[in-house]
């Protein structure tokens, strides 16, 4: 090997080669399972559901207990006029507090504070002493912010948003399953179409060979060879186009299922069993099962929750507050604690506080907006119901029409086969030209293609019907709920 050739060989060896997986025999159920587990667009929607769940946990955090701990030390040297001389004071503070929101909208608090004080001021009765305070506090709204409905407002909204996210996942899975079914059987039809084109090409080549022999024998004029060659070239182009379409479809299905490059063999054939349905029953099922309708209903519930919260914000503020405090004091820490335990020096406090802005425009405007959003959500649901009814009716008509096409295309193919057989017989006795035979064979190829398309169109129509009624996931044995979303996220 010369030097330039060796260099080229080394460079080519260093270029990474694209490896292709072996051909995969794939059933429809396997394709659906792979799509649900691996489709990237679905994974994106699953993250939204997980974020919604995190938002629920975040809003439930309002009931977390707040613990406050504090410690400080102060050492001061002063010269107060009252003492007539220098004074030194040392103070230690130990603070403990607990606060918690309660469902009624109020807050409960507990504080336990300890102080140690030491001074050299000779006139002081206790130059060294401990002092403690125990305080229980309550602050309860009586109008604005009163009650669990208002306190839990953001929690309820977050839970409704989480359920809506689950319904969106269900809708996305249903759309994905429908897409997989459609693309799977399109792949099957393109396989069949390629085989049909290859059969046509083989027949055209056979006709060309027979004509060439008959031209040599002087039975046919040379012009017939050109007609036959034209027919072969036209069918070669059809095979190339059909092969490209098949490869494009394989790539599309692999992208949906996130499979490595390679061939896919669609093992399952279209199920051509007739599906019958009553229109009224189909519409009823659709209105019960369609996930987007459930999501729209959750949006109405959320809008109603926000309306109630906005209505409460228009009320004046009236708060009841109260405290109960008792303490102790002693030169020794145990004396201080004994007096605290006896609780014989309580201090009670109770009161009401009223608040109202002079002109509550912000709250009133927010309340009006919440009512408008509620009406908007209801209108959207009405519109969606109307669209669902139209979808079901259209799907029923498409399913009925596509089933009728099965019989029409089957008869068309049968007639085309009989015509081709007759013309081949004619050509053998010189009553039909090569062009006549190829034209009739072209009609047969078109009839075969029409039958393949009709079969796939019927399967697509059935899929669209099941999607329109919301029964597709049930038919595929798929149940979507919060647990399902969690399992898919783990995967």
Protein backbone atom coordinates (compact mmCIF):
# COMPACT_ATOMS: atom_id res chain seq x y z
CA UNK A 1 0.00 0.00 0.00
CA UNK A 2 1.42 3.45 -0.90
CA UNK A 3 1.74 6.26 1.68
CA UNK A 4 -1.29 8.40 0.65
CA UNK A 5 -3.53 5.33 0.69
CA UNK A 6 -2.24 4.39 4.13
CA UNK A 7 -2.96 7.91 5.44
CA UNK A 8 -6.50 7.79 4.06
CA UNK A 9 -7.06 4.37 5.67
CA UNK A 10 -5.88 5.67 9.06
CA UNK A 11 -8.10 8.75 8.85
CA UNK A 12 -11.14 6.63 7.97
CA UNK A 13 -10.36 4.30 10.87
CA UNK A 14 -10.44 7.26 13.28
CA UNK A 15 -13.87 8.49 12.10
CA UNK A 16 -16.59 7.14 14.43
CA UNK A 17 -19.01 4.92 12.57
CA UNK A 18 -22.76 5.12 13.11
CA UNK A 19 -23.91 1.77 14.39
CA UNK A 20 -27.37 0.51 13.53
CA UNK A 21 -29.37 -1.81 15.72
CA UNK A 22 -30.74 -4.99 14.28
CA UNK A 23 -34.22 -5.04 12.83
CA UNK A 24 -36.88 -5.04 15.54
CA UNK A 25 -40.06 -7.11 15.30
CA UNK A 26 -42.52 -4.88 17.12
CA UNK A 27 -46.11 -5.60 18.13
CA UNK A 28 -48.56 -2.78 18.67
CA UNK A 29 -48.71 -3.35 22.43
CA UNK A 30 -44.91 -3.27 22.63
CA UNK A 31 -44.88 -0.01 20.69
CA UNK A 32 -47.46 1.56 23.02
CA UNK A 33 -45.53 0.43 26.10
CA UNK A 34 -42.24 1.81 24.76
CA UNK A 35 -43.89 5.10 23.85
CA UNK A 36 -45.48 5.62 27.27
CA UNK A 37 -42.22 4.80 29.02
CA UNK A 38 -39.75 6.60 26.77
CA UNK A 39 -41.41 9.39 24.77
CA UNK A 40 -39.62 12.68 25.53
CA UNK A 41 -42.65 14.94 25.02
CA UNK A 42 -44.56 12.86 27.58
CA UNK A 43 -41.65 13.07 30.01
CA UNK A 44 -41.83 16.87 29.76
CA UNK A 45 -45.48 16.77 30.81
CA UNK A 46 -44.62 14.42 33.69
CA UNK A 47 -42.22 17.02 35.06
CA UNK A 48 -45.09 19.51 35.11
CA UNK A 49 -47.10 17.06 37.23
CA UNK A 50 -44.16 16.64 39.62
CA UNK A 51 -43.80 20.42 39.90
CA UNK A 52 -47.52 20.68 40.70
CA UNK A 53 -47.09 18.09 43.46
CA UNK A 54 -44.17 20.07 44.90
CA UNK A 55 -46.39 23.17 44.86
CA UNK A 56 -48.97 21.32 46.98
CA UNK A 57 -46.31 20.44 49.54
CA UNK A 58 -45.07 24.03 49.53
CA UNK A 59 -48.52 25.44 50.28
CA UNK A 60 -49.19 22.87 53.00
CA UNK A 61 -46.11 24.29 54.70
CA UNK A 62 -48.21 27.10 56.17
CA UNK A 63 -49.04 24.68 58.99
CA UNK A 64 -45.39 24.06 59.84
CA UNK A 65 -44.53 25.12 63.40
CA UNK A 66 -42.08 28.02 63.73
CA UNK A 67 -39.49 27.55 66.47
CA UNK A 68 -37.50 30.54 67.72
CA UNK A 69 -34.42 30.21 69.91
CA UNK A 70 -32.26 33.07 71.12
CA UNK A 71 -29.42 33.73 73.56
CA UNK A 72 -27.56 36.96 74.37
CA UNK A 73 -25.04 38.19 76.93
CA UNK A 74 -24.59 41.82 77.93
CA UNK A 75 -21.79 43.22 80.12
CA UNK A 76 -22.00 46.97 80.75
CA UNK A 77 -20.03 49.51 82.85
CA UNK A 78 -21.84 52.80 83.42
CA UNK A 79 -21.73 55.82 85.72
CA UNK A 80 -25.36 56.64 86.48
CA UNK A 81 -25.99 59.88 88.40
CA UNK A 82 -28.44 58.04 90.68
CA UNK A 83 -25.75 55.71 92.01
CA UNK A 84 -23.09 58.35 92.57
CA UNK A 85 -20.42 55.97 91.31
CA UNK A 86 -19.53 53.39 88.69
CA UNK A 87 -21.95 50.54 88.15
CA UNK A 88 -21.43 47.24 86.39
CA UNK A 89 -24.25 45.04 85.17
CA UNK A 90 -24.26 41.60 83.52
CA UNK A 91 -27.34 40.18 81.82
CA UNK A 92 -27.96 36.77 80.22
CA UNK A 93 -31.12 36.28 78.09
CA UNK A 94 -32.40 32.86 76.94
CA UNK A 95 -35.45 33.04 74.65
CA UNK A 96 -37.66 30.21 73.34
CA UNK A 97 -40.76 30.63 71.19
CA UNK A 98 -43.19 28.48 69.20
CA UNK A 99 -45.85 29.76 66.75
CA UNK A 100 -48.32 27.85 64.61
CA UNK A 101 -51.16 28.66 62.24
CA UNK A 102 -54.49 26.91 62.90
CA UNK A 103 -57.17 26.07 60.29
CA UNK A 104 -59.49 28.82 61.59
CA UNK A 105 -56.95 31.39 60.35
CA UNK A 106 -55.65 32.28 63.77
CA UNK A 107 -52.20 31.83 65.26
CA UNK A 108 -51.23 30.25 68.55
CA UNK A 109 -48.00 31.23 70.25
CA UNK A 110 -45.96 30.08 73.21
CA UNK A 111 -42.91 31.81 74.68
CA UNK A 112 -40.62 30.86 77.55
CA UNK A 113 -37.99 33.49 78.38
CA UNK A 114 -35.27 33.33 81.02
CA UNK A 115 -33.16 36.24 82.28
CA UNK A 116 -30.17 36.28 84.60
CA UNK A 117 -29.15 39.68 86.00
CA UNK A 118 -26.11 40.57 88.12
CA UNK A 119 -25.12 44.09 89.35
CA UNK A 120 -22.67 45.65 91.80
CA UNK A 121 -25.13 48.38 92.69
CA UNK A 122 -25.22 48.11 96.50
CA UNK A 123 -28.71 49.59 96.86
CA UNK A 124 -30.24 46.79 94.78
CA UNK A 125 -32.40 44.34 96.75
CA UNK A 126 -31.30 41.45 94.51
CA UNK A 127 -27.76 41.98 93.19
CA UNK A 128 -28.08 38.56 91.51
CA UNK A 129 -31.36 37.01 90.37
CA UNK A 130 -33.13 34.83 87.81
CA UNK A 131 -36.39 35.88 86.18
CA UNK A 132 -38.64 33.87 83.85
CA UNK A 133 -41.81 34.47 81.83
CA UNK A 134 -44.25 32.03 80.22
CA UNK A 135 -46.67 33.51 77.66
CA UNK A 136 -49.52 31.95 75.71
CA UNK A 137 -50.91 34.11 72.88
CA UNK A 138 -53.86 33.89 70.48
CA UNK A 139 -54.66 36.06 67.46
CA UNK A 140 -57.90 35.07 65.69
CA UNK A 141 -59.53 36.85 62.69
CA UNK A 142 -63.29 37.18 63.02
CA UNK A 143 -64.16 38.52 59.54
CA UNK A 144 -61.42 38.78 56.93
CA UNK A 145 -59.20 35.66 56.78
CA UNK A 146 -61.62 33.66 58.98
CA UNK A 147 -62.14 29.93 58.49
CA UNK A 148 -60.56 26.92 56.78
CA UNK A 149 -61.83 27.93 53.32
CA UNK A 150 -59.69 31.05 53.37
CA UNK A 151 -56.77 29.59 55.32
CA UNK A 152 -56.48 26.59 53.00
CA UNK A 153 -57.17 28.60 49.84
CA UNK A 154 -53.74 28.18 48.25
CA UNK A 155 -53.57 24.53 49.33
CA UNK A 156 -56.88 23.75 47.61
CA UNK A 157 -55.85 25.65 44.48
CA UNK A 158 -52.53 23.78 44.38
CA UNK A 159 -54.30 20.43 44.81
CA UNK A 160 -56.69 21.28 41.99
CA UNK A 161 -53.73 22.31 39.82
CA UNK A 162 -52.06 18.98 40.61
CA UNK A 163 -55.20 17.06 39.59
CA UNK A 164 -55.36 19.16 36.45
CA UNK A 165 -51.73 18.25 35.70
CA UNK A 166 -52.61 14.56 36.06
CA UNK A 167 -55.53 15.02 33.64
CA UNK A 168 -53.17 16.75 31.19
CA UNK A 169 -50.83 13.77 31.46
CA UNK A 170 -53.79 11.47 30.74
CA UNK A 171 -54.69 13.55 27.70
CA UNK A 172 -51.08 13.56 26.52
CA UNK A 173 -50.83 9.78 26.95
CA UNK A 174 -54.08 9.28 25.04
CA UNK A 175 -52.83 11.48 22.20
CA UNK A 176 -49.51 9.64 22.23
CA UNK A 177 -51.17 6.21 22.11
CA UNK A 178 -53.36 7.37 19.21
CA UNK A 179 -50.29 8.70 17.39
CA UNK A 180 -48.41 5.43 17.94
CA UNK A 181 -51.33 3.38 16.61
CA UNK A 182 -51.61 5.59 13.52
CA UNK A 183 -47.88 5.65 12.77
CA UNK A 184 -47.52 1.92 13.48
CA UNK A 185 -50.15 0.93 10.93
CA UNK A 186 -48.87 3.53 8.47
CA UNK A 187 -45.55 1.71 8.71
CA UNK A 188 -47.34 -1.57 8.03
CA UNK A 189 -49.08 -0.07 5.01
CA UNK A 190 -45.81 1.32 3.62
CA UNK A 191 -44.22 -2.12 3.96
CA UNK A 192 -47.12 -3.58 1.98
CA UNK A 193 -46.99 -0.77 -0.58
CA UNK A 194 -43.27 -1.36 -1.15
CA UNK A 195 -43.92 -5.06 -1.70
CA UNK A 196 -46.70 -4.19 -4.15
CA UNK A 197 -44.40 -1.83 -6.07
CA UNK A 198 -41.70 -4.50 -6.18
CA UNK A 199 -44.23 -7.01 -7.59
CA UNK A 200 -45.21 -4.48 -10.27
CA UNK A 201 -41.55 -3.91 -11.13
CA UNK A 202 -40.96 -7.65 -11.39
CA UNK A 203 -43.92 -8.05 -13.72
CA UNK A 204 -42.78 -5.11 -15.88
CA UNK A 205 -39.32 -6.64 -16.19
CA UNK A 206 -40.85 -9.99 -17.13
CA UNK A 207 -42.98 -8.30 -19.79
CA UNK A 208 -39.89 -6.51 -21.10
CA UNK A 209 -38.00 -9.80 -21.37
CA UNK A 210 -40.86 -11.51 -23.21
CA UNK A 211 -41.24 -8.58 -25.63
CA UNK A 212 -37.52 -8.54 -26.38
CA UNK A 213 -37.70 -12.23 -27.30
CA UNK A 214 -40.77 -11.68 -29.51
CA UNK A 215 -39.14 -8.69 -31.22
CA UNK A 216 -36.10 -10.86 -31.98
CA UNK A 217 -38.44 -13.46 -33.38
CA UNK A 218 -40.01 -10.79 -35.59
CA UNK A 219 -43.45 -11.15 -34.03
CA UNK A 220 -43.56 -7.59 -32.60
CA UNK A 221 -42.19 -4.28 -33.82
CA UNK A 222 -39.13 -2.75 -31.98
CA UNK A 223 -41.37 0.10 -30.72
CA UNK A 224 -42.86 -2.31 -28.18
CA UNK A 225 -39.47 -2.57 -26.45
CA UNK A 226 -39.48 1.20 -25.76
CA UNK A 227 -42.95 0.99 -24.25
CA UNK A 228 -41.86 -1.87 -22.01
CA UNK A 229 -38.65 -0.08 -20.95
CA UNK A 230 -40.66 3.03 -20.11
CA UNK A 231 -42.92 0.93 -17.92
CA UNK A 232 -39.90 -0.62 -16.11
CA UNK A 233 -38.33 2.81 -15.48
CA UNK A 234 -41.59 4.23 -14.15
CA UNK A 235 -41.94 1.31 -11.71
CA UNK A 236 -38.31 1.59 -10.61
CA UNK A 237 -39.04 5.19 -9.62
CA UNK A 238 -42.13 4.05 -7.71
CA UNK A 239 -40.04 1.48 -5.80
CA UNK A 240 -37.45 4.13 -4.91
CA UNK A 241 -40.19 6.51 -3.70
CA UNK A 242 -41.90 3.76 -1.71
CA UNK A 243 -38.59 2.74 -0.10
CA UNK A 244 -37.85 6.35 0.92
CA UNK A 245 -41.34 6.77 2.40
CA UNK A 246 -40.87 3.53 4.36
CA UNK A 247 -37.51 4.64 5.78
CA UNK A 248 -38.90 8.05 6.72
CA UNK A 249 -41.77 6.34 8.55
CA UNK A 250 -39.36 4.05 10.42
CA UNK A 251 -37.39 7.09 11.59
CA UNK A 252 -40.57 8.85 12.68
CA UNK A 253 -41.74 5.86 14.73
CA UNK A 254 -38.28 5.40 16.24
CA UNK A 255 -38.23 9.06 17.28
CA UNK A 256 -41.61 8.69 18.99
CA UNK A 257 -40.52 5.50 20.78
CA UNK A 258 -36.92 6.69 21.36
CA UNK A 259 -35.40 3.59 19.76
CA UNK A 260 -31.87 3.42 18.26
CA UNK A 261 -31.50 3.52 14.45
CA UNK A 262 -32.46 0.37 12.58
CA UNK A 263 -35.32 -1.35 10.83
CA UNK A 264 -38.74 -1.90 12.41
CA UNK A 265 -41.08 -4.66 11.34
CA UNK A 266 -44.70 -3.94 12.23
CA UNK A 267 -45.78 -7.45 13.20
CA UNK A 268 -49.48 -6.82 13.83
CA UNK A 269 -51.83 -6.43 10.90
CA UNK A 270 -54.79 -4.02 10.96
CA UNK A 271 -57.84 -5.33 12.81
CA UNK A 272 -60.66 -4.94 10.31
CA UNK A 273 -63.46 -6.07 12.63
CA UNK A 274 -66.38 -3.69 12.32
CA UNK A 275 -66.91 -1.42 15.32
CA UNK A 276 -70.52 -0.38 15.82
CA UNK A 277 -71.65 2.34 18.18
CA UNK A 278 -74.77 4.23 19.19
CA UNK A 279 -74.29 7.96 18.75
CA UNK A 280 -76.06 9.03 21.94
CA UNK A 281 -74.17 6.47 24.03
CA UNK A 282 -70.86 7.42 22.42
CA UNK A 283 -71.45 11.11 23.21
CA UNK A 284 -72.36 10.26 26.81
CA UNK A 285 -69.15 8.26 27.24
CA UNK A 286 -67.10 11.06 25.72
CA UNK A 287 -68.56 13.65 28.09
CA UNK A 288 -67.74 11.32 31.01
CA UNK A 289 -64.29 10.13 29.96
CA UNK A 290 -62.49 12.84 28.01
CA UNK A 291 -59.58 14.04 30.22
CA UNK A 292 -59.65 17.59 28.86
CA UNK A 293 -63.24 17.93 30.11
CA UNK A 294 -62.15 16.81 33.58
CA UNK A 295 -59.32 19.34 33.45
CA UNK A 296 -61.77 22.09 32.45
CA UNK A 297 -64.05 21.15 35.37
CA UNK A 298 -61.07 21.40 37.72
CA UNK A 299 -60.34 24.86 36.32
CA UNK A 300 -63.91 25.88 37.17
CA UNK A 301 -63.51 24.49 40.70
CA UNK A 302 -60.26 26.42 41.07
CA UNK A 303 -61.88 29.62 39.79
CA UNK A 304 -64.73 29.15 42.28
CA UNK A 305 -62.22 28.66 45.11
CA UNK A 306 -60.42 31.85 44.12
CA UNK A 307 -63.72 33.71 43.92
CA UNK A 308 -64.58 32.75 47.50
CA UNK A 309 -61.14 33.84 48.65
CA UNK A 310 -61.43 37.17 46.84
CA UNK A 311 -64.88 37.72 48.34
CA UNK A 312 -63.46 37.24 51.83
CA UNK A 313 -60.74 39.83 51.15
CA UNK A 314 -63.41 42.51 50.66
CA UNK A 315 -64.53 42.15 54.30
CA UNK A 316 -63.18 44.43 57.01
CA UNK A 317 -60.53 43.14 59.35
CA UNK A 318 -61.65 42.30 62.90
CA UNK A 319 -59.19 40.41 65.06
CA UNK A 320 -59.52 38.97 68.54
CA UNK A 321 -56.27 38.79 70.46
CA UNK A 322 -55.40 37.63 73.90
CA UNK A 323 -52.41 36.67 76.04
CA UNK A 324 -51.89 34.88 79.35
CA UNK A 325 -48.55 35.47 81.02
CA UNK A 326 -47.09 34.36 84.28
CA UNK A 327 -43.57 34.40 85.61
CA UNK A 328 -41.22 33.86 88.47
CA UNK A 329 -38.18 35.39 90.10
CA UNK A 330 -35.53 34.22 92.58
CA UNK A 331 -31.93 34.57 93.55
CA UNK A 332 -31.41 30.97 92.54
CA UNK A 333 -32.61 29.34 89.32
CA UNK A 334 -34.61 26.69 91.21
CA UNK A 335 -36.46 29.39 93.19
CA UNK A 336 -37.36 31.07 89.91
CA UNK A 337 -38.63 27.79 88.40
CA UNK A 338 -40.71 26.95 91.51
CA UNK A 339 -42.60 30.22 91.17
CA UNK A 340 -43.07 29.63 87.44
CA UNK A 341 -44.58 26.20 88.12
CA UNK A 342 -46.99 27.66 90.69
CA UNK A 343 -48.21 30.22 88.12
CA UNK A 344 -49.60 32.37 90.93
CA UNK A 345 -48.86 35.73 89.25
CA UNK A 346 -50.83 35.62 85.98
CA UNK A 347 -51.42 38.58 83.70
CA UNK A 348 -54.38 38.49 81.29
CA UNK A 349 -54.82 40.56 78.17
CA UNK A 350 -57.73 40.52 75.69
CA UNK A 351 -58.87 42.89 72.99
CA UNK A 352 -60.37 43.52 69.56
CA UNK A 353 -58.76 45.30 66.63
CA UNK A 354 -60.76 46.64 63.66
CA UNK A 355 -59.25 47.50 60.28
CA UNK A 356 -60.88 48.77 57.12
CA UNK A 357 -59.37 50.80 54.27
CA UNK A 358 -61.27 53.91 53.29
CA UNK A 359 -61.95 52.79 49.75
CA UNK A 360 -61.35 49.07 49.25
CA UNK A 361 -60.87 49.33 45.47
CA UNK A 362 -58.06 46.76 45.16
CA UNK A 363 -59.99 43.98 46.92
CA UNK A 364 -63.25 44.82 45.14
CA UNK A 365 -61.52 44.79 41.73
CA UNK A 366 -59.88 41.45 42.49
CA UNK A 367 -63.28 40.03 43.43
CA UNK A 368 -64.79 41.23 40.13
CA UNK A 369 -61.86 39.66 38.23
CA UNK A 370 -62.37 36.35 40.04
CA UNK A 371 -66.06 36.30 39.06
CA UNK A 372 -65.17 37.04 35.43
CA UNK A 373 -62.57 34.26 35.41
CA UNK A 374 -65.19 31.87 36.80
CA UNK A 375 -67.69 32.81 34.07
CA UNK A 376 -64.91 32.49 31.49
CA UNK A 377 -64.05 28.96 32.69
CA UNK A 378 -67.69 27.91 32.51
CA UNK A 379 -67.98 29.27 28.96
CA UNK A 380 -64.82 27.41 27.96
CA UNK A 381 -66.30 24.18 29.31
CA UNK A 382 -69.52 24.73 27.35
CA UNK A 383 -67.48 25.30 24.19
CA UNK A 384 -65.37 22.21 24.88
CA UNK A 385 -68.51 20.10 25.38
CA UNK A 386 -69.77 21.27 22.01
CA UNK A 387 -66.45 20.41 20.35
CA UNK A 388 -66.45 16.95 21.92
CA UNK A 389 -69.93 16.22 20.58
CA UNK A 390 -68.80 17.32 17.11
CA UNK A 391 -65.67 15.16 17.39
CA UNK A 392 -67.70 12.06 18.25
CA UNK A 393 -70.17 12.55 15.41
CA UNK A 394 -67.37 13.18 12.91
CA UNK A 395 -65.46 10.12 14.15
CA UNK A 396 -68.57 7.93 13.80
CA UNK A 397 -69.11 9.07 10.19
CA UNK A 398 -65.43 8.55 9.35
CA UNK A 399 -65.46 5.06 10.86
CA UNK A 400 -68.60 4.08 8.93
CA UNK A 401 -67.32 5.49 5.64
CA UNK A 402 -63.88 3.89 5.97
CA UNK A 403 -65.41 0.49 6.72
CA UNK A 404 -67.49 0.71 3.53
CA UNK A 405 -64.31 1.53 1.62
CA UNK A 406 -62.89 -1.87 2.64
CA UNK A 407 -65.45 -3.69 0.49
CA UNK A 408 -65.14 -1.23 -2.40
CA UNK A 409 -61.35 -1.46 -2.60
CA UNK A 410 -61.42 -5.26 -2.24
CA UNK A 411 -63.77 -5.52 -5.23
CA UNK A 412 -61.69 -2.98 -7.15
CA UNK A 413 -58.56 -5.10 -6.61
CA UNK A 414 -60.41 -8.29 -7.61
CA UNK A 415 -61.65 -6.73 -10.87
CA UNK A 416 -58.18 -5.35 -11.61
CA UNK A 417 -56.62 -8.80 -11.15
CA UNK A 418 -59.17 -10.34 -13.55
CA UNK A 419 -58.51 -7.61 -16.13
CA UNK A 420 -54.75 -8.15 -15.94
CA UNK A 421 -55.16 -11.89 -16.37
CA UNK A 422 -57.33 -11.29 -19.43
CA UNK A 423 -54.88 -8.84 -21.01
CA UNK A 424 -51.94 -11.16 -20.41
CA UNK A 425 -53.86 -13.85 -22.26
CA UNK A 426 -54.60 -11.40 -25.09
CA UNK A 427 -50.95 -10.37 -25.34
CA UNK A 428 -49.90 -13.99 -25.70
CA UNK A 429 -51.98 -14.27 -28.87
CA UNK A 430 -51.07 -10.81 -30.14
CA UNK A 431 -54.37 -9.10 -29.29
CA UNK A 432 -52.84 -6.70 -26.73
CA UNK A 433 -49.68 -4.65 -26.79
CA UNK A 434 -47.08 -4.35 -24.04
CA UNK A 435 -48.39 -0.91 -23.26
CA UNK A 436 -51.89 -2.31 -22.81
CA UNK A 437 -50.61 -4.91 -20.35
CA UNK A 438 -48.56 -2.38 -18.39
CA UNK A 439 -51.46 0.07 -18.23
CA UNK A 440 -53.77 -2.62 -16.88
CA UNK A 441 -51.08 -3.74 -14.42
CA UNK A 442 -50.72 -0.13 -13.32
CA UNK A 443 -54.45 -0.14 -12.58
CA UNK A 444 -53.92 -3.25 -10.44
CA UNK A 445 -51.06 -1.59 -8.55
CA UNK A 446 -53.29 1.42 -7.89
CA UNK A 447 -56.08 -0.91 -6.70
CA UNK A 448 -53.70 -2.70 -4.33
CA UNK A 449 -52.51 0.65 -3.00
CA UNK A 450 -56.11 1.78 -2.52
CA UNK A 451 -56.92 -1.38 -0.56
CA UNK A 452 -53.87 -0.95 1.69
CA UNK A 453 -54.79 2.68 2.34
CA UNK A 454 -58.41 1.75 3.05
CA UNK A 455 -57.34 -0.80 5.65
CA UNK A 456 -55.08 1.71 7.38
CA UNK A 457 -57.69 4.45 7.12
CA UNK A 458 -60.19 2.19 8.87
CA UNK A 459 -57.78 1.48 11.73
CA UNK A 460 -57.06 5.22 11.99
CA UNK A 461 -60.79 5.98 12.01
CA UNK A 462 -61.37 3.46 14.83
CA UNK A 463 -58.45 5.01 16.76
CA UNK A 464 -59.88 8.50 16.32
CA UNK A 465 -63.28 7.28 17.45
CA UNK A 466 -61.83 5.72 20.61
CA UNK A 467 -59.88 8.92 21.19
CA UNK A 468 -62.98 11.05 20.67
CA UNK A 469 -64.96 9.02 23.22
CA UNK A 470 -62.06 8.87 25.68
CA UNK A 471 -62.04 5.05 25.60
CA UNK A 472 -58.63 4.59 24.00
CA UNK A 473 -56.64 4.28 27.23
CA UNK A 474 -59.16 1.83 28.67
CA UNK A 475 -59.00 -0.21 25.45
CA UNK A 476 -55.19 -0.31 25.75
CA UNK A 477 -55.37 -1.26 29.45
CA UNK A 478 -53.83 2.02 30.65
CA UNK A 479 -54.99 3.76 33.84
CA UNK A 480 -53.71 7.25 34.63
CA UNK A 481 -53.77 8.69 38.16
CA UNK A 482 -51.35 10.25 40.61
CA UNK A 483 -49.74 6.86 41.27
CA UNK A 484 -49.29 6.21 37.56
CA UNK A 485 -47.60 9.58 37.13
CA UNK A 486 -45.27 8.83 40.05
CA UNK A 487 -44.29 5.45 38.56
CA UNK A 488 -43.62 7.00 35.15
CA UNK A 489 -41.45 9.68 36.77
CA UNK A 490 -39.39 6.99 38.52
CA UNK A 491 -38.86 5.26 35.18
